[in-house]
Amino acid sequence: MKPEGYTMTSIRIVFCAVLIMLFTGDSSASEKHQEHIDIFTTEKGEKGYAMSRFRALVKIPVYVHHVDAIENFEQRLTEHITTKDKNKAIEQARNSLNGNGFAKERAKLKNGVMSFEKAIRLNITKVPAVVFNDEQIVYGERPIRALQIYNRKRAQ
């Protein structure tokens, strides 16, 4: 539970910018030479997709990006903060981040930052979005339906 008056909105932009600088490299050069599909969705949204079936169908690399990963990390982190005192809250957050139980969360955050950076670079405006080779975007469809739409447009 978040204490009353505790918001991280004011530092979110700076936090995201710092994370992007720390975690991202120039991945665009290697991806442009290889056919691939990027799927931008939420953590909950992916659960409704038949990803193993989709991957078997396309037989090229498929990358799933959770656009809400940073927000979800922030929420999970603030669940461990039980005080309104700023200094104590920072200490509680630091202890949670450095704990062994948060290693998986830190990995999700790193992937989330890279996903956020790629979504900005590709100008993704809403989710779900299925992007083919960093060029063609199909919005609002599950991956298999997006593939059908993409193939139909390519055949025209």
C-alpha atoms as a PDB file:
ATOM      1  CA  MET A   1       0.000   0.000   0.000  1.00  0.00           C
ATOM      2  CA  LYS A   2       1.326   3.452  -0.894  1.00  0.00           C
ATOM      3  CA  PRO A   3       1.365   6.024   1.901  1.00  0.00           C
ATOM      4  CA  GLU A   4      -0.870   9.087   1.424  1.00  0.00           C
ATOM      5  CA  GLY A   5       0.749  11.801  -0.638  1.00  0.00           C
ATOM      6  CA  TYR A   6       3.530   9.545  -1.920  1.00  0.00           C
ATOM      7  CA  THR A   7       3.942   9.923  -5.671  1.00  0.00           C
ATOM      8  CA  MET A   8       6.796   9.152  -7.966  1.00  0.00           C
ATOM      9  CA  THR A   9       5.261  10.976 -10.922  1.00  0.00           C
ATOM     10  CA  SER A  10       7.496  13.999 -10.439  1.00  0.00           C
ATOM     11  CA  ILE A  11      10.665  11.958 -10.908  1.00  0.00           C
ATOM     12  CA  ARG A  12       9.382   9.455 -13.467  1.00  0.00           C
ATOM     13  CA  ILE A  13      10.676  11.326 -16.530  1.00  0.00           C
ATOM     14  CA  VAL A  14      14.152  11.781 -15.053  1.00  0.00           C
ATOM     15  CA  PHE A  15      14.137   8.172 -13.840  1.00  0.00           C
ATOM     16  CA  CYS A  16      13.234   6.879 -17.315  1.00  0.00           C
ATOM     17  CA  ALA A  17      15.831   9.068 -19.017  1.00  0.00           C
ATOM     18  CA  VAL A  18      18.588   7.863 -16.696  1.00  0.00           C
ATOM     19  CA  LEU A  19      17.568   4.232 -17.149  1.00  0.00           C
ATOM     20  CA  ILE A  20      17.505   4.575 -20.927  1.00  0.00           C
ATOM     21  CA  MET A  21      21.015   6.016 -20.913  1.00  0.00           C
ATOM     22  CA  LEU A  22      22.271   3.247 -18.607  1.00  0.00           C
ATOM     23  CA  PHE A  23      20.675   0.234 -20.220  1.00  0.00           C
ATOM     24  CA  THR A  24      20.345   0.858 -23.916  1.00  0.00           C
ATOM     25  CA  GLY A  25      22.860   0.540 -26.632  1.00  0.00           C
ATOM     26  CA  ASP A  26      22.383   0.949 -30.335  1.00  0.00           C
ATOM     27  CA  SER A  27      20.458  -2.221 -31.061  1.00  0.00           C
ATOM     28  CA  SER A  28      18.934  -0.824 -34.233  1.00  0.00           C
ATOM     29  CA  ALA A  29      21.953  -1.600 -36.418  1.00  0.00           C
ATOM     30  CA  SER A  30      21.892  -5.347 -35.778  1.00  0.00           C
ATOM     31  CA  GLU A  31      18.085  -5.634 -35.959  1.00  0.00           C
ATOM     32  CA  LYS A  32      17.735  -3.900 -39.324  1.00  0.00           C
ATOM     33  CA  HIS A  33      19.694  -6.635 -41.092  1.00  0.00           C
ATOM     34  CA  GLN A  34      17.592  -9.464 -39.733  1.00  0.00           C
ATOM     35  CA  GLU A  35      13.893 -10.051 -40.292  1.00  0.00           C
ATOM     36  CA  HIS A  36      12.062  -9.880 -36.982  1.00  0.00           C
ATOM     37  CA  ILE A  37       8.791  -8.982 -35.339  1.00  0.00           C
ATOM     38  CA  ASP A  38       8.346  -6.757 -32.304  1.00  0.00           C
ATOM     39  CA  ILE A  39       5.166  -6.989 -30.265  1.00  0.00           C
ATOM     40  CA  PHE A  40       4.388  -4.073 -27.967  1.00  0.00           C
ATOM     41  CA  THR A  41       1.833  -4.910 -25.312  1.00  0.00           C
ATOM     42  CA  THR A  42       1.253  -4.898 -21.564  1.00  0.00           C
ATOM     43  CA  GLU A  43       2.266  -7.685 -19.195  1.00  0.00           C
ATOM     44  CA  LYS A  44      -1.389  -8.659 -18.787  1.00  0.00           C
ATOM     45  CA  GLY A  45      -2.082  -8.281 -22.498  1.00  0.00           C
ATOM     46  CA  GLU A  46       0.513 -10.847 -23.505  1.00  0.00           C
ATOM     47  CA  LYS A  47      -1.249 -13.568 -21.531  1.00  0.00           C
ATOM     48  CA  GLY A  48      -4.030 -13.632 -24.121  1.00  0.00           C
ATOM     49  CA  TYR A  49      -1.639 -14.307 -27.013  1.00  0.00           C
ATOM     50  CA  ALA A  50      -0.683 -17.741 -28.296  1.00  0.00           C
ATOM     51  CA  MET A  51       3.002 -16.800 -28.502  1.00  0.00           C
ATOM     52  CA  SER A  52       4.424 -20.298 -28.966  1.00  0.00           C
ATOM     53  CA  ARG A  53       1.994 -20.895 -31.837  1.00  0.00           C
ATOM     54  CA  PHE A  54       2.838 -17.502 -33.360  1.00  0.00           C
ATOM     55  CA  ARG A  55       6.606 -18.091 -33.102  1.00  0.00           C
ATOM     56  CA  ALA A  56       6.235 -21.491 -34.771  1.00  0.00           C
ATOM     57  CA  LEU A  57       4.158 -19.912 -37.516  1.00  0.00           C
ATOM     58  CA  VAL A  58       6.556 -17.089 -38.430  1.00  0.00           C
ATOM     59  CA  LYS A  59       9.907 -18.857 -37.871  1.00  0.00           C
ATOM     60  CA  ILE A  60      11.760 -15.559 -37.425  1.00  0.00           C
ATOM     61  CA  PRO A  61      12.761 -13.846 -34.162  1.00  0.00           C
ATOM     62  CA  VAL A  62       9.835 -12.413 -32.208  1.00  0.00           C
ATOM     63  CA  TYR A  63      10.475  -9.915 -29.414  1.00  0.00           C
ATOM     64  CA  VAL A  64       7.762  -9.090 -26.899  1.00  0.00           C
ATOM     65  CA  HIS A  65       8.006  -5.660 -25.283  1.00  0.00           C
ATOM     66  CA  HIS A  66       6.019  -4.856 -22.158  1.00  0.00           C
ATOM     67  CA  VAL A  67       5.392  -1.135 -22.373  1.00  0.00           C
ATOM     68  CA  ASP A  68       4.148  -1.043 -18.792  1.00  0.00           C
ATOM     69  CA  ALA A  69       7.239  -2.705 -17.298  1.00  0.00           C
ATOM     70  CA  ILE A  70       8.634   0.492 -15.769  1.00  0.00           C
ATOM     71  CA  GLU A  71       5.297   1.388 -14.201  1.00  0.00           C
ATOM     72  CA  ASN A  72       4.858  -2.175 -12.912  1.00  0.00           C
ATOM     73  CA  PHE A  73       8.367  -2.122 -11.421  1.00  0.00           C
ATOM     74  CA  GLU A  74       7.611   1.188  -9.727  1.00  0.00           C
ATOM     75  CA  GLN A  75       4.373  -0.221  -8.321  1.00  0.00           C
ATOM     76  CA  ARG A  76       6.062  -3.366  -7.004  1.00  0.00           C
ATOM     77  CA  LEU A  77       8.839  -1.287  -5.470  1.00  0.00           C
ATOM     78  CA  THR A  78       6.471   1.140  -3.753  1.00  0.00           C
ATOM     79  CA  GLU A  79       4.535  -1.771  -2.256  1.00  0.00           C
ATOM     80  CA  HIS A  80       7.553  -2.231   0.045  1.00  0.00           C
ATOM     81  CA  ILE A  81       7.473   1.401   1.204  1.00  0.00           C
ATOM     82  CA  THR A  82       5.500   1.727   4.401  1.00  0.00           C
ATOM     83  CA  THR A  83       6.410   5.237   5.541  1.00  0.00           C
ATOM     84  CA  LYS A  84       5.641   8.816   4.584  1.00  0.00           C
ATOM     85  CA  ASP A  85       9.082   9.973   5.706  1.00  0.00           C
ATOM     86  CA  LYS A  86      11.122  10.736   2.585  1.00  0.00           C
ATOM     87  CA  ASN A  87      14.474   9.537   3.972  1.00  0.00           C
ATOM     88  CA  LYS A  88      13.019   6.329   5.378  1.00  0.00           C
ATOM     89  CA  ALA A  89      11.164   5.709   2.086  1.00  0.00           C
ATOM     90  CA  ILE A  90      14.426   6.081   0.145  1.00  0.00           C
ATOM     91  CA  GLU A  91      16.146   3.653   2.518  1.00  0.00           C
ATOM     92  CA  GLN A  92      13.310   1.120   2.192  1.00  0.00           C
ATOM     93  CA  ALA A  93      13.426   1.395  -1.605  1.00  0.00           C
ATOM     94  CA  ARG A  94      17.221   0.984  -1.591  1.00  0.00           C
ATOM     95  CA  ASN A  95      16.962  -2.113   0.631  1.00  0.00           C
ATOM     96  CA  SER A  96      14.340  -3.629  -1.663  1.00  0.00           C
ATOM     97  CA  LEU A  97      16.398  -2.907  -4.787  1.00  0.00           C
ATOM     98  CA  ASN A  98      19.541  -4.426  -3.296  1.00  0.00           C
ATOM     99  CA  GLY A  99      17.791  -7.509  -1.941  1.00  0.00           C
ATOM    100  CA  ASN A 100      18.194 -10.877  -3.646  1.00  0.00           C
ATOM    101  CA  GLY A 101      14.451 -11.150  -4.155  1.00  0.00           C
ATOM    102  CA  PHE A 102      14.484  -8.162  -6.496  1.00  0.00           C
ATOM    103  CA  ALA A 103      17.021  -9.532  -9.015  1.00  0.00           C
ATOM    104  CA  LYS A 104      14.238 -10.769 -11.292  1.00  0.00           C
ATOM    105  CA  GLU A 105      12.490  -7.395 -11.002  1.00  0.00           C
ATOM    106  CA  ARG A 106      15.695  -5.568 -11.947  1.00  0.00           C
ATOM    107  CA  ALA A 107      15.981  -7.744 -15.083  1.00  0.00           C
ATOM    108  CA  LYS A 108      12.363  -6.926 -15.985  1.00  0.00           C
ATOM    109  CA  LEU A 109      13.137  -3.245 -15.471  1.00  0.00           C
ATOM    110  CA  LYS A 110      16.153  -3.399 -17.774  1.00  0.00           C
ATOM    111  CA  ASN A 111      14.039  -5.047 -20.493  1.00  0.00           C
ATOM    112  CA  GLY A 112      11.288  -2.514 -19.867  1.00  0.00           C
ATOM    113  CA  VAL A 113      13.646   0.401 -20.333  1.00  0.00           C
ATOM    114  CA  MET A 114      14.909  -1.022 -23.610  1.00  0.00           C
ATOM    115  CA  SER A 115      11.299  -1.632 -24.710  1.00  0.00           C
ATOM    116  CA  PHE A 116      10.369   1.940 -23.805  1.00  0.00           C
ATOM    117  CA  GLU A 117      13.307   3.262 -25.822  1.00  0.00           C
ATOM    118  CA  LYS A 118      12.374   1.153 -28.840  1.00  0.00           C
ATOM    119  CA  ALA A 119       8.718   2.175 -28.644  1.00  0.00           C
ATOM    120  CA  ILE A 120       9.786   5.822 -28.723  1.00  0.00           C
ATOM    121  CA  ARG A 121      12.197   5.203 -31.605  1.00  0.00           C
ATOM    122  CA  LEU A 122       9.484   3.430 -33.648  1.00  0.00           C
ATOM    123  CA  ASN A 123       6.892   6.046 -32.706  1.00  0.00           C
ATOM    124  CA  ILE A 124       4.491   3.485 -31.218  1.00  0.00           C
ATOM    125  CA  THR A 125       1.331   5.387 -30.285  1.00  0.00           C
ATOM    126  CA  LYS A 126      -0.820   2.654 -28.715  1.00  0.00           C
ATOM    127  CA  VAL A 127      -0.851  -1.021 -27.809  1.00  0.00           C
ATOM    128  CA  PRO A 128      -1.105  -3.677 -28.844  1.00  0.00           C
ATOM    129  CA  ALA A 129       1.204  -2.963 -31.743  1.00  0.00           C
ATOM    130  CA  VAL A 130       2.887  -5.558 -33.924  1.00  0.00           C
ATOM    131  CA  VAL A 131       5.877  -4.202 -35.845  1.00  0.00           C
ATOM    132  CA  PHE A 132       7.373  -6.029 -38.801  1.00  0.00           C
ATOM    133  CA  ASN A 133      11.088  -5.371 -39.420  1.00  0.00           C
ATOM    134  CA  ASP A 134      10.921  -1.952 -37.736  1.00  0.00           C
ATOM    135  CA  GLU A 135       8.870  -0.681 -40.682  1.00  0.00           C
ATOM    136  CA  GLN A 136       5.235  -1.798 -40.814  1.00  0.00           C
ATOM    137  CA  ILE A 137       3.022  -1.386 -37.740  1.00  0.00           C
ATOM    138  CA  VAL A 138      -0.341  -3.058 -37.188  1.00  0.00           C
ATOM    139  CA  TYR A 139      -2.251  -1.622 -34.220  1.00  0.00           C
ATOM    140  CA  GLY A 140      -5.001  -3.145 -32.137  1.00  0.00           C
ATOM    141  CA  GLU A 141      -4.690  -6.764 -33.224  1.00  0.00           C
ATOM    142  CA  ARG A 142      -3.353  -9.959 -31.731  1.00  0.00           C
ATOM    143  CA  PRO A 143      -0.129 -11.182 -33.349  1.00  0.00           C
ATOM    144  CA  ILE A 144      -1.666 -13.847 -35.618  1.00  0.00           C
ATOM    145  CA  ARG A 145      -4.324 -11.456 -36.946  1.00  0.00           C
ATOM    146  CA  ALA A 146      -1.684  -8.718 -37.382  1.00  0.00           C
ATOM    147  CA  LEU A 147       0.412 -11.152 -39.435  1.00  0.00           C
ATOM    148  CA  GLN A 148      -2.575 -11.836 -41.705  1.00  0.00           C
ATOM    149  CA  ILE A 149      -3.122  -8.110 -42.223  1.00  0.00           C
ATOM    150  CA  TYR A 150       0.586  -7.540 -42.885  1.00  0.00           C
ATOM    151  CA  ASN A 151       0.777 -10.393 -45.408  1.00  0.00           C
ATOM    152  CA  ARG A 152      -2.350  -9.168 -47.191  1.00  0.00           C
ATOM    153  CA  LYS A 153      -0.930  -5.637 -47.533  1.00  0.00           C
ATOM    154  CA  ARG A 154       2.427  -7.005 -48.704  1.00  0.00           C
ATOM    155  CA  ALA A 155       0.726  -9.094 -51.398  1.00  0.00           C
ATOM    156  CA  GLN A 156      -1.080  -6.058 -52.885  1.00  0.00           C
END
